[in-house]
């Protein structure tokens, strides 16, 4: 007598499948919650969900219990760890940004420093109060006093380097160097018209909204290789992922790439023309109307200073500025032959856009040399 057919073994209990579906739903909900539609890279969470589904299905066909359990543990651990990291980093960055960042009604500016906020440098060596017009700088008189020559510096977070005391940041150093080179009786003021996270569109807009009221005699427009970014830089994320922002540099180096390669894609498509070239063209119209010269300066990232990829990106930005008739300077030339490690901030190997105090000193010296002839042109 034959025994009745036995049903196939059940690979997963119902609660296991439901728990997996919950993990996938939570990942997708987080992606929707944190999404930044401006970011040009595909959403990493959708890719992660597809990978997890593939691993979960594969586990159903593995007969070895130990291997199947290990794979399932991985399937559940990955979303738990990613969501925990995202939540922690999002909370930290939102709190940090809200302490000094204020959303703007201007659709191009998007955000500014919060007027009146006190911002202490991370070395606790100085505290600045954000001015009434949203600048992280000491107050400057408006209108400009007689006999004062003013330089407006446009930029992002580099002029506002939070790890350095105000006196060690290159805009303040530049003021001292230009004052030392000034004709007898002349007074020089450098106004820092910059905000962290800004791209070139926002820098130009801040010049229009705030910078021009200081009646500049020269505009020093600084450029960093992340400036074509189409993203709300008030928060430190890549697209909708705070975790990827922290992890991407390590992944880039682990796969044999350089930081220069990571910035190259920003300069390879429409983003560069839209964000950079378009802004420079508008900047030229403003500068022509105001009869003020512009010095466009590409700041170096703290990577091999002779890296050909980075050099090509600096030169592309310089060429776009020259097309508008701006004076230009490639600040990386001041670091030629130097070991880039000497200009990294302590313990900050992955922060290549923000040099240390020695880097700020060298940047200021290079800018002073380029700016002085424009500020006091020879007859």
Protein backbone atom coordinates (compact mmCIF):
# COMPACT_ATOMS: atom_id res chain seq x y z
CA UNK A 1 0.00 0.00 0.00
CA UNK A 2 1.52 3.32 -1.05
CA UNK A 3 1.71 6.17 1.43
CA UNK A 4 -0.12 9.38 0.58
CA UNK A 5 1.94 12.09 -1.12
CA UNK A 6 3.60 14.44 1.34
CA UNK A 7 3.26 18.21 0.78
CA UNK A 8 6.52 20.01 -0.05
CA UNK A 9 8.32 21.45 2.96
CA UNK A 10 7.37 25.02 3.82
CA UNK A 11 10.41 27.19 3.23
CA UNK A 12 9.29 30.20 5.28
CA UNK A 13 6.73 30.68 7.97
CA UNK A 14 4.05 33.23 7.20
CA UNK A 15 5.39 35.64 9.79
CA UNK A 16 8.82 35.57 8.10
CA UNK A 17 7.32 36.64 4.78
CA UNK A 18 5.22 39.32 6.45
CA UNK A 19 8.26 40.64 8.31
CA UNK A 20 10.19 40.86 5.04
CA UNK A 21 7.34 42.71 3.35
CA UNK A 22 7.26 45.13 6.27
CA UNK A 23 11.00 45.79 5.92
CA UNK A 24 10.58 46.50 2.20
CA UNK A 25 7.62 48.81 2.83
CA UNK A 26 9.59 50.72 5.49
CA UNK A 27 12.48 51.25 3.07
CA UNK A 28 10.12 52.55 0.39
CA UNK A 29 8.32 54.82 2.86
CA UNK A 30 11.64 56.29 3.96
CA UNK A 31 12.59 56.86 0.32
CA UNK A 32 9.36 58.80 -0.20
CA UNK A 33 9.79 60.76 3.01
CA UNK A 34 13.39 61.84 2.41
CA UNK A 35 13.35 62.20 -1.39
CA UNK A 36 15.09 65.17 -3.00
CA UNK A 37 13.80 65.43 -6.59
CA UNK A 38 16.66 67.71 -7.61
CA UNK A 39 19.35 65.08 -7.19
CA UNK A 40 20.51 63.67 -10.56
CA UNK A 41 21.40 60.11 -9.40
CA UNK A 42 18.87 57.27 -9.28
CA UNK A 43 17.26 56.49 -5.93
CA UNK A 44 19.52 53.98 -4.07
CA UNK A 45 16.65 52.60 -2.00
CA UNK A 46 14.83 51.12 -4.98
CA UNK A 47 18.01 49.28 -5.96
CA UNK A 48 18.43 48.01 -2.41
CA UNK A 49 14.84 46.70 -2.34
CA UNK A 50 15.38 44.79 -5.60
CA UNK A 51 18.57 43.22 -4.19
CA UNK A 52 16.82 42.23 -0.97
CA UNK A 53 13.93 40.62 -2.87
CA UNK A 54 16.43 38.65 -4.92
CA UNK A 55 18.22 37.42 -1.79
CA UNK A 56 14.93 36.50 -0.09
CA UNK A 57 13.76 34.47 -3.09
CA UNK A 58 17.16 32.79 -3.38
CA UNK A 59 16.97 31.74 0.25
CA UNK A 60 13.80 29.77 -0.51
CA UNK A 61 15.76 27.45 -2.80
CA UNK A 62 18.67 26.78 -0.45
CA UNK A 63 18.37 23.38 1.23
CA UNK A 64 21.13 23.84 3.80
CA UNK A 65 19.45 25.24 6.89
CA UNK A 66 22.54 27.04 8.17
CA UNK A 67 23.12 28.83 4.88
CA UNK A 68 19.44 29.71 4.50
CA UNK A 69 19.24 31.14 8.02
CA UNK A 70 22.42 33.15 7.48
CA UNK A 71 21.05 34.61 4.25
CA UNK A 72 17.75 35.50 5.88
CA UNK A 73 19.57 37.13 8.77
CA UNK A 74 21.42 39.28 6.23
CA UNK A 75 18.16 40.14 4.44
CA UNK A 76 16.63 41.43 7.68
CA UNK A 77 19.80 43.00 9.11
CA UNK A 78 20.56 45.19 6.08
CA UNK A 79 17.29 47.20 6.05
CA UNK A 80 17.34 47.47 9.86
CA UNK A 81 20.89 48.87 9.88
CA UNK A 82 20.28 51.17 6.90
CA UNK A 83 17.08 52.61 8.36
CA UNK A 84 18.72 53.11 11.76
CA UNK A 85 21.67 54.90 10.15
CA UNK A 86 19.39 57.03 7.98
CA UNK A 87 17.27 58.05 10.97
CA UNK A 88 20.29 58.90 13.09
CA UNK A 89 22.06 60.91 10.41
CA UNK A 90 18.86 62.65 9.31
CA UNK A 91 18.06 63.70 12.86
CA UNK A 92 21.58 64.94 13.46
CA UNK A 93 21.77 66.90 10.21
CA UNK A 94 18.29 68.39 10.50
CA UNK A 95 19.01 69.61 14.01
CA UNK A 96 22.38 70.98 12.91
CA UNK A 97 20.91 72.73 9.87
CA UNK A 98 17.91 74.15 11.69
CA UNK A 99 20.17 75.77 14.29
CA UNK A 100 21.62 78.12 11.70
CA UNK A 101 19.72 77.63 8.42
CA UNK A 102 16.47 79.35 7.50
CA UNK A 103 14.32 78.51 4.49
CA UNK A 104 14.00 81.35 2.00
CA UNK A 105 10.93 82.50 0.10
CA UNK A 106 13.25 83.05 -2.85
CA UNK A 107 12.86 79.96 -5.05
CA UNK A 108 16.45 80.18 -6.29
CA UNK A 109 18.15 80.86 -2.96
CA UNK A 110 16.06 78.16 -1.24
CA UNK A 111 17.77 78.75 2.13
CA UNK A 112 20.10 81.18 3.87
CA UNK A 113 21.81 81.48 7.21
CA UNK A 114 19.34 82.36 9.95
CA UNK A 115 19.76 86.06 10.92
CA UNK A 116 20.84 86.40 14.54
CA UNK A 117 21.93 82.76 14.93
CA UNK A 118 25.19 82.28 16.84
CA UNK A 119 27.57 79.91 15.05
CA UNK A 120 30.59 78.63 16.97
CA UNK A 121 33.55 77.14 15.14
CA UNK A 122 34.16 73.49 15.98
CA UNK A 123 37.52 74.39 17.53
CA UNK A 124 35.53 76.71 19.85
CA UNK A 125 37.96 79.49 19.03
CA UNK A 126 35.37 81.94 17.74
CA UNK A 127 31.66 82.65 17.58
CA UNK A 128 29.94 84.67 14.88
CA UNK A 129 26.41 86.02 14.90
CA UNK A 130 24.74 85.82 11.51
CA UNK A 131 24.10 89.33 10.22
CA UNK A 132 20.64 90.74 9.63
CA UNK A 133 20.94 89.98 5.92
CA UNK A 134 22.00 86.37 6.47
CA UNK A 135 25.80 86.49 6.19
CA UNK A 136 28.21 84.57 8.40
CA UNK A 137 30.53 87.55 8.75
CA UNK A 138 31.20 90.59 10.88
CA UNK A 139 28.86 93.52 10.15
CA UNK A 140 29.85 96.01 7.43
CA UNK A 141 28.44 99.50 7.07
CA UNK A 142 25.89 100.26 4.37
CA UNK A 143 26.34 102.50 2.48
CA UNK A 144 30.06 101.98 2.05
CA UNK A 145 32.13 104.59 3.92
CA UNK A 146 34.30 106.98 1.86
CA UNK A 147 37.79 105.72 1.11
CA UNK A 148 36.93 102.02 1.55
CA UNK A 149 37.64 99.50 -1.18
CA UNK A 150 35.40 96.46 -0.86
CA UNK A 151 35.81 92.90 -2.08
CA UNK A 152 32.80 90.60 -2.07
CA UNK A 153 33.65 86.89 -1.88
CA UNK A 154 31.03 84.54 -3.33
CA UNK A 155 31.18 80.91 -2.28
CA UNK A 156 29.73 77.97 -0.42
CA UNK A 157 30.91 76.28 2.78
CA UNK A 158 34.65 76.69 2.13
CA UNK A 159 34.75 80.40 3.09
CA UNK A 160 32.68 79.44 6.15
CA UNK A 161 34.81 76.44 7.19
CA UNK A 162 33.29 75.44 10.49
CA UNK A 163 36.37 73.70 11.86
CA UNK A 164 38.39 76.93 11.77
CA UNK A 165 38.17 80.11 13.77
CA UNK A 166 36.92 83.07 11.77
CA UNK A 167 40.38 84.65 11.73
CA UNK A 168 41.84 81.58 9.98
CA UNK A 169 39.35 81.44 7.11
CA UNK A 170 40.57 82.66 3.78
CA UNK A 171 38.20 85.66 3.35
CA UNK A 172 39.49 87.22 6.58
CA UNK A 173 43.10 86.35 5.69
CA UNK A 174 42.55 87.86 2.23
CA UNK A 175 41.41 91.11 3.82
CA UNK A 176 44.61 91.39 5.83
CA UNK A 177 46.81 90.60 2.84
CA UNK A 178 45.07 93.10 0.59
CA UNK A 179 45.26 95.74 3.32
CA UNK A 180 49.02 95.18 3.52
CA UNK A 181 49.27 95.70 -0.25
CA UNK A 182 46.97 98.76 -0.31
CA UNK A 183 48.19 102.25 -1.21
CA UNK A 184 48.81 104.55 1.74
CA UNK A 185 45.62 105.69 3.42
CA UNK A 186 43.41 103.10 1.70
CA UNK A 187 41.12 100.79 3.67
CA UNK A 188 40.17 97.33 2.43
CA UNK A 189 37.14 95.30 3.53
CA UNK A 190 36.28 91.77 2.42
CA UNK A 191 32.62 90.83 2.75
CA UNK A 192 31.90 87.10 2.88
CA UNK A 193 28.74 86.62 0.78
CA UNK A 194 28.66 82.83 1.03
CA UNK A 195 26.50 80.05 2.44
CA UNK A 196 27.19 76.37 2.99
CA UNK A 197 25.62 74.00 0.49
CA UNK A 198 25.22 76.65 -2.21
CA UNK A 199 25.71 75.89 -5.86
CA UNK A 200 26.61 78.50 -8.49
CA UNK A 201 22.98 79.51 -9.06
CA UNK A 202 22.51 80.31 -5.39
CA UNK A 203 25.82 82.17 -5.19
CA UNK A 204 24.82 84.45 -8.07
CA UNK A 205 21.40 84.97 -6.54
CA UNK A 206 22.91 85.90 -3.17
CA UNK A 207 25.09 88.43 -4.96
CA UNK A 208 21.97 90.04 -6.42
CA UNK A 209 19.94 89.93 -3.22
CA UNK A 210 22.62 90.83 -0.68
CA UNK A 211 26.12 91.25 -2.06
CA UNK A 212 25.48 94.28 -4.25
CA UNK A 213 24.21 96.38 -1.35
CA UNK A 214 27.79 96.42 -0.03
CA UNK A 215 28.90 98.27 -3.17
CA UNK A 216 31.80 95.99 -4.12
CA UNK A 217 34.81 97.25 -6.02
CA UNK A 218 35.71 93.66 -6.87
CA UNK A 219 33.85 90.34 -6.81
CA UNK A 220 35.90 87.22 -6.09
CA UNK A 221 33.72 84.34 -7.24
CA UNK A 222 35.05 81.05 -5.88
CA UNK A 223 34.27 77.69 -7.44
CA UNK A 224 34.46 74.20 -5.92
CA UNK A 225 34.05 71.01 -7.94
CA UNK A 226 30.72 70.15 -6.30
CA UNK A 227 29.16 73.47 -7.38
CA UNK A 228 27.09 72.04 -10.28
CA UNK A 229 25.10 70.07 -7.67
CA UNK A 230 21.34 70.30 -8.14
CA UNK A 231 20.39 69.63 -4.56
CA UNK A 232 19.14 71.40 -1.48
CA UNK A 233 22.44 71.56 0.37
CA UNK A 234 20.90 72.51 3.68
CA UNK A 235 21.12 68.80 4.57
CA UNK A 236 24.07 66.46 4.06
CA UNK A 237 22.61 63.79 1.81
CA UNK A 238 22.95 62.36 -1.69
CA UNK A 239 19.50 62.29 -3.22
CA UNK A 240 17.31 60.95 -0.44
CA UNK A 241 20.05 59.10 1.45
CA UNK A 242 21.99 60.52 4.38
CA UNK A 243 23.85 57.21 4.70
CA UNK A 244 25.11 57.20 1.11
CA UNK A 245 26.53 60.69 1.62
CA UNK A 246 28.73 59.31 4.40
CA UNK A 247 29.54 56.02 2.64
CA UNK A 248 30.12 57.17 -0.95
CA UNK A 249 33.72 58.43 -0.51
CA UNK A 250 34.79 55.12 1.04
CA UNK A 251 33.10 53.18 -1.75
CA UNK A 252 34.76 55.38 -4.36
CA UNK A 253 38.24 54.76 -2.95
CA UNK A 254 37.57 51.05 -2.40
CA UNK A 255 36.73 50.62 -6.08
CA UNK A 256 39.97 52.26 -7.17
CA UNK A 257 38.56 55.64 -8.13
CA UNK A 258 39.63 59.09 -7.02
CA UNK A 259 37.59 61.93 -5.65
CA UNK A 260 38.18 63.70 -8.94
CA UNK A 261 36.35 60.88 -10.73
CA UNK A 262 33.46 61.37 -8.33
CA UNK A 263 33.11 65.03 -9.33
CA UNK A 264 33.52 64.43 -13.05
CA UNK A 265 29.92 63.39 -13.70
CA UNK A 266 28.69 66.77 -12.43
CA UNK A 267 30.62 68.46 -15.23
CA UNK A 268 29.71 66.05 -18.01
CA UNK A 269 26.10 66.86 -18.76
CA UNK A 270 23.39 69.51 -18.72
CA UNK A 271 23.85 70.22 -15.00
CA UNK A 272 27.07 72.14 -15.65
CA UNK A 273 25.54 74.33 -18.35
CA UNK A 274 22.39 74.93 -16.35
CA UNK A 275 23.95 75.60 -12.96
CA UNK A 276 27.36 77.04 -13.81
CA UNK A 277 27.43 78.48 -17.31
CA UNK A 278 23.97 80.01 -17.03
CA UNK A 279 24.83 81.60 -13.66
CA UNK A 280 28.08 83.05 -14.97
CA UNK A 281 26.23 84.61 -17.89
CA UNK A 282 23.79 86.28 -15.52
CA UNK A 283 26.68 87.31 -13.30
CA UNK A 284 28.29 89.06 -16.26
CA UNK A 285 25.11 91.09 -16.84
CA UNK A 286 25.10 92.16 -13.21
CA UNK A 287 28.82 92.98 -13.17
CA UNK A 288 28.51 95.01 -16.36
CA UNK A 289 25.56 96.96 -15.01
CA UNK A 290 27.36 97.67 -11.73
CA UNK A 291 30.72 98.38 -13.39
CA UNK A 292 32.54 95.97 -11.07
CA UNK A 293 35.25 93.50 -12.16
CA UNK A 294 34.97 89.79 -11.38
CA UNK A 295 37.78 87.42 -10.48
CA UNK A 296 36.64 83.80 -10.94
CA UNK A 297 38.76 81.42 -8.87
CA UNK A 298 38.60 77.62 -8.91
CA UNK A 299 39.49 76.32 -5.44
CA UNK A 300 41.33 72.98 -5.30
CA UNK A 301 39.98 69.88 -3.68
CA UNK A 302 42.39 68.20 -1.26
CA UNK A 303 43.42 65.39 -3.59
CA UNK A 304 46.48 64.80 -5.74
CA UNK A 305 47.00 68.37 -6.95
CA UNK A 306 48.23 67.15 -10.34
CA UNK A 307 45.31 64.78 -10.95
CA UNK A 308 44.49 65.19 -14.68
CA UNK A 309 40.75 64.65 -14.14
CA UNK A 310 40.54 67.45 -11.59
CA UNK A 311 42.71 69.68 -13.77
CA UNK A 312 40.33 69.21 -16.68
CA UNK A 313 37.37 70.14 -14.45
CA UNK A 314 39.10 73.30 -13.17
CA UNK A 315 39.89 74.25 -16.75
CA UNK A 316 36.32 73.67 -17.92
CA UNK A 317 35.02 76.05 -15.26
CA UNK A 318 37.78 78.57 -16.04
CA UNK A 319 36.88 78.45 -19.76
CA UNK A 320 33.21 79.15 -18.96
CA UNK A 321 34.24 82.17 -16.90
CA UNK A 322 36.60 83.46 -19.58
CA UNK A 323 33.71 83.28 -22.05
CA UNK A 324 32.05 85.96 -19.91
CA UNK A 325 35.13 88.16 -19.90
CA UNK A 326 35.96 87.49 -16.24
CA UNK A 327 39.49 87.51 -14.90
CA UNK A 328 40.31 83.97 -13.76
CA UNK A 329 42.78 82.14 -11.57
CA UNK A 330 43.33 78.43 -10.94
CA UNK A 331 44.18 78.29 -7.25
CA UNK A 332 45.44 74.70 -7.46
CA UNK A 333 48.56 76.14 -9.10
CA UNK A 334 49.56 77.53 -5.70
CA UNK A 335 49.72 73.92 -4.42
CA UNK A 336 51.83 72.51 -7.27
CA UNK A 337 54.31 69.91 -6.04
CA UNK A 338 52.77 69.80 -2.55
CA UNK A 339 51.65 66.65 -0.76
CA UNK A 340 47.88 66.98 -0.46
CA UNK A 341 47.91 65.12 2.87
CA UNK A 342 49.44 68.22 4.47
CA UNK A 343 46.22 70.15 3.73
CA UNK A 344 43.65 67.64 4.99
CA UNK A 345 41.81 68.47 8.17
CA UNK A 346 42.82 66.19 11.08
CA UNK A 347 40.83 62.96 10.95
CA UNK A 348 38.92 64.08 7.84
CA UNK A 349 40.38 62.01 4.99
CA UNK A 350 37.07 62.00 3.13
CA UNK A 351 36.39 65.75 3.36
CA UNK A 352 38.31 66.84 0.29
CA UNK A 353 36.40 70.04 -0.41
CA UNK A 354 37.47 71.80 2.82
CA UNK A 355 41.20 72.32 3.34
CA UNK A 356 42.75 72.92 6.74
CA UNK A 357 44.16 76.19 8.08
CA UNK A 358 47.36 75.84 6.03
CA UNK A 359 45.25 75.44 2.90
CA UNK A 360 43.23 78.56 3.71
CA UNK A 361 46.45 80.50 4.19
CA UNK A 362 47.74 79.41 0.78
CA UNK A 363 44.38 80.12 -0.90
CA UNK A 364 44.30 83.63 0.57
CA UNK A 365 47.84 84.40 -0.56
CA UNK A 366 47.08 83.25 -4.10
CA UNK A 367 43.84 85.23 -4.26
CA UNK A 368 45.50 88.36 -2.87
CA UNK A 369 48.13 88.25 -5.60
CA UNK A 370 45.45 87.86 -8.30
CA UNK A 371 43.02 90.39 -6.80
CA UNK A 372 45.36 93.29 -6.04
CA UNK A 373 45.86 94.40 -9.70
CA UNK A 374 42.09 94.36 -10.22
CA UNK A 375 41.40 96.32 -7.07
CA UNK A 376 44.05 98.96 -7.85
CA UNK A 377 44.54 98.85 -11.64
CA UNK A 378 47.50 100.67 -13.03
CA UNK A 379 46.67 103.74 -15.13
